[in-house]
Amino acid sequence: MYGNNNLFGVGLIALLLTSIYTAILASLLMKTKERVDYIYHKERSN
């Protein structure tokens, strides 16, 4: 019983870390994309 409960806790923590990591990666990607778009449009307008 205890071993099963411990495994569940580890799974829950892993899931939480994965979702946080994914959220951070997604926001970084969006920031990078915005920066690239901004530079790209700035270069094109000149």
N, C-alpha and C. Protein backbone atom coordinates (compact mmCIF):
# COMPACT_ATOMS: atom_id res chain seq x y z
N MET A 1 0.84 -1.21 0.00
CA MET A 1 0.00 0.00 0.00
C MET A 1 0.87 1.26 0.00
N TYR A 2 1.86 1.27 0.89
CA TYR A 2 2.71 2.46 1.00
C TYR A 2 3.54 2.67 -0.26
N GLY A 3 4.06 1.59 -0.81
CA GLY A 3 4.86 1.68 -2.03
C GLY A 3 4.05 2.24 -3.18
N ASN A 4 2.81 1.81 -3.29
CA ASN A 4 1.92 2.28 -4.34
C ASN A 4 1.64 3.77 -4.18
N ASN A 5 1.41 4.19 -2.94
CA ASN A 5 1.14 5.59 -2.63
C ASN A 5 2.35 6.46 -2.96
N ASN A 6 3.53 5.96 -2.66
CA ASN A 6 4.77 6.67 -2.93
C ASN A 6 4.96 6.86 -4.43
N LEU A 7 4.67 5.81 -5.18
CA LEU A 7 4.78 5.85 -6.64
C LEU A 7 3.82 6.89 -7.21
N PHE A 8 2.63 6.95 -6.65
CA PHE A 8 1.63 7.93 -7.09
C PHE A 8 2.13 9.35 -6.85
N GLY A 9 2.76 9.57 -5.70
CA GLY A 9 3.31 10.89 -5.37
C GLY A 9 4.40 11.31 -6.34
N VAL A 10 5.28 10.36 -6.67
CA VAL A 10 6.36 10.64 -7.62
C VAL A 10 5.78 10.96 -8.99
N GLY A 11 4.76 10.21 -9.40
CA GLY A 11 4.10 10.46 -10.68
C GLY A 11 3.47 11.83 -10.73
N LEU A 12 2.85 12.22 -9.62
CA LEU A 12 2.19 13.52 -9.53
C LEU A 12 3.21 14.65 -9.63
N ILE A 13 4.32 14.50 -8.92
CA ILE A 13 5.39 15.51 -8.97
C ILE A 13 5.98 15.60 -10.37
N ALA A 14 6.18 14.45 -11.01
CA ALA A 14 6.72 14.43 -12.36
C ALA A 14 5.78 15.14 -13.33
N LEU A 15 4.49 14.89 -13.17
CA LEU A 15 3.48 15.52 -14.03
C LEU A 15 3.48 17.03 -13.83
N LEU A 16 3.57 17.46 -12.58
CA LEU A 16 3.58 18.88 -12.24
C LEU A 16 4.81 19.56 -12.85
N LEU A 17 5.98 18.94 -12.67
CA LEU A 17 7.22 19.50 -13.22
C LEU A 17 7.17 19.58 -14.74
N THR A 18 6.60 18.54 -15.36
CA THR A 18 6.50 18.52 -16.81
C THR A 18 5.62 19.65 -17.32
N SER A 19 4.48 19.88 -16.65
CA SER A 19 3.57 20.94 -17.08
C SER A 19 4.19 22.32 -16.88
N ILE A 20 4.91 22.51 -15.78
CA ILE A 20 5.60 23.78 -15.53
C ILE A 20 6.67 24.02 -16.59
N TYR A 21 7.45 22.96 -16.86
CA TYR A 21 8.52 23.04 -17.86
C TYR A 21 7.96 23.37 -19.24
N THR A 22 6.83 22.74 -19.58
CA THR A 22 6.18 22.99 -20.87
C THR A 22 5.69 24.44 -20.96
N ALA A 23 5.11 24.94 -19.87
CA ALA A 23 4.62 26.32 -19.85
C ALA A 23 5.76 27.31 -20.03
N ILE A 24 6.88 27.07 -19.35
CA ILE A 24 8.05 27.95 -19.47
C ILE A 24 8.59 27.92 -20.90
N LEU A 25 8.70 26.72 -21.47
CA LEU A 25 9.19 26.58 -22.84
C LEU A 25 8.28 27.30 -23.82
N ALA A 26 6.97 27.14 -23.64
CA ALA A 26 6.01 27.78 -24.54
C ALA A 26 6.12 29.29 -24.48
N SER A 27 6.24 29.86 -23.27
CA SER A 27 6.35 31.31 -23.14
C SER A 27 7.66 31.83 -23.73
N LEU A 28 8.74 31.06 -23.55
CA LEU A 28 10.02 31.45 -24.14
C LEU A 28 9.94 31.43 -25.66
N LEU A 29 9.29 30.41 -26.20
CA LEU A 29 9.12 30.31 -27.65
C LEU A 29 8.32 31.49 -28.19
N MET A 30 7.25 31.87 -27.49
CA MET A 30 6.43 33.00 -27.93
C MET A 30 7.22 34.30 -27.89
N LYS A 31 8.02 34.50 -26.84
CA LYS A 31 8.85 35.71 -26.74
C LYS A 31 9.85 35.77 -27.88
N THR A 32 10.49 34.63 -28.16
CA THR A 32 11.47 34.56 -29.25
C THR A 32 10.80 34.84 -30.58
N LYS A 33 9.62 34.27 -30.79
CA LYS A 33 8.88 34.47 -32.04
C LYS A 33 8.51 35.94 -32.21
N GLU A 34 8.05 36.58 -31.13
CA GLU A 34 7.70 38.00 -31.19
C GLU A 34 8.91 38.84 -31.55
N ARG A 35 10.05 38.53 -30.94
CA ARG A 35 11.28 39.27 -31.21
C ARG A 35 11.71 39.10 -32.66
N VAL A 36 11.66 37.86 -33.15
CA VAL A 36 12.04 37.58 -34.54
C VAL A 36 11.11 38.31 -35.50
N ASP A 37 9.80 38.26 -35.23
CA ASP A 37 8.83 38.96 -36.08
C ASP A 37 9.10 40.46 -36.09
N TYR A 38 9.39 41.01 -34.90
CA TYR A 38 9.65 42.44 -34.77
C TYR A 38 10.87 42.84 -35.60
N ILE A 39 11.96 42.09 -35.45
CA ILE A 39 13.19 42.38 -36.20
C ILE A 39 12.95 42.22 -37.70
N TYR A 40 12.24 41.17 -38.06
CA TYR A 40 11.94 40.89 -39.47
C TYR A 40 11.15 42.02 -40.12
N HIS A 41 10.11 42.48 -39.42
CA HIS A 41 9.28 43.57 -39.97
C HIS A 41 10.03 44.90 -39.97
N LYS A 42 10.90 45.10 -38.98
CA LYS A 42 11.70 46.32 -38.91
C LYS A 42 12.66 46.37 -40.10
N GLU A 43 13.27 45.24 -40.41
CA GLU A 43 14.20 45.16 -41.54
C GLU A 43 13.48 45.37 -42.87
N ARG A 44 12.29 44.83 -42.98
CA ARG A 44 11.53 44.94 -44.24
C ARG A 44 11.05 46.36 -44.49
N SER A 45 10.72 47.08 -43.41
CA SER A 45 10.18 48.44 -43.59
C SER A 45 11.27 49.44 -43.99
N ASN A 46 12.52 49.11 -43.70
CA ASN A 46 13.62 50.03 -44.06
C ASN A 46 14.00 49.91 -45.52
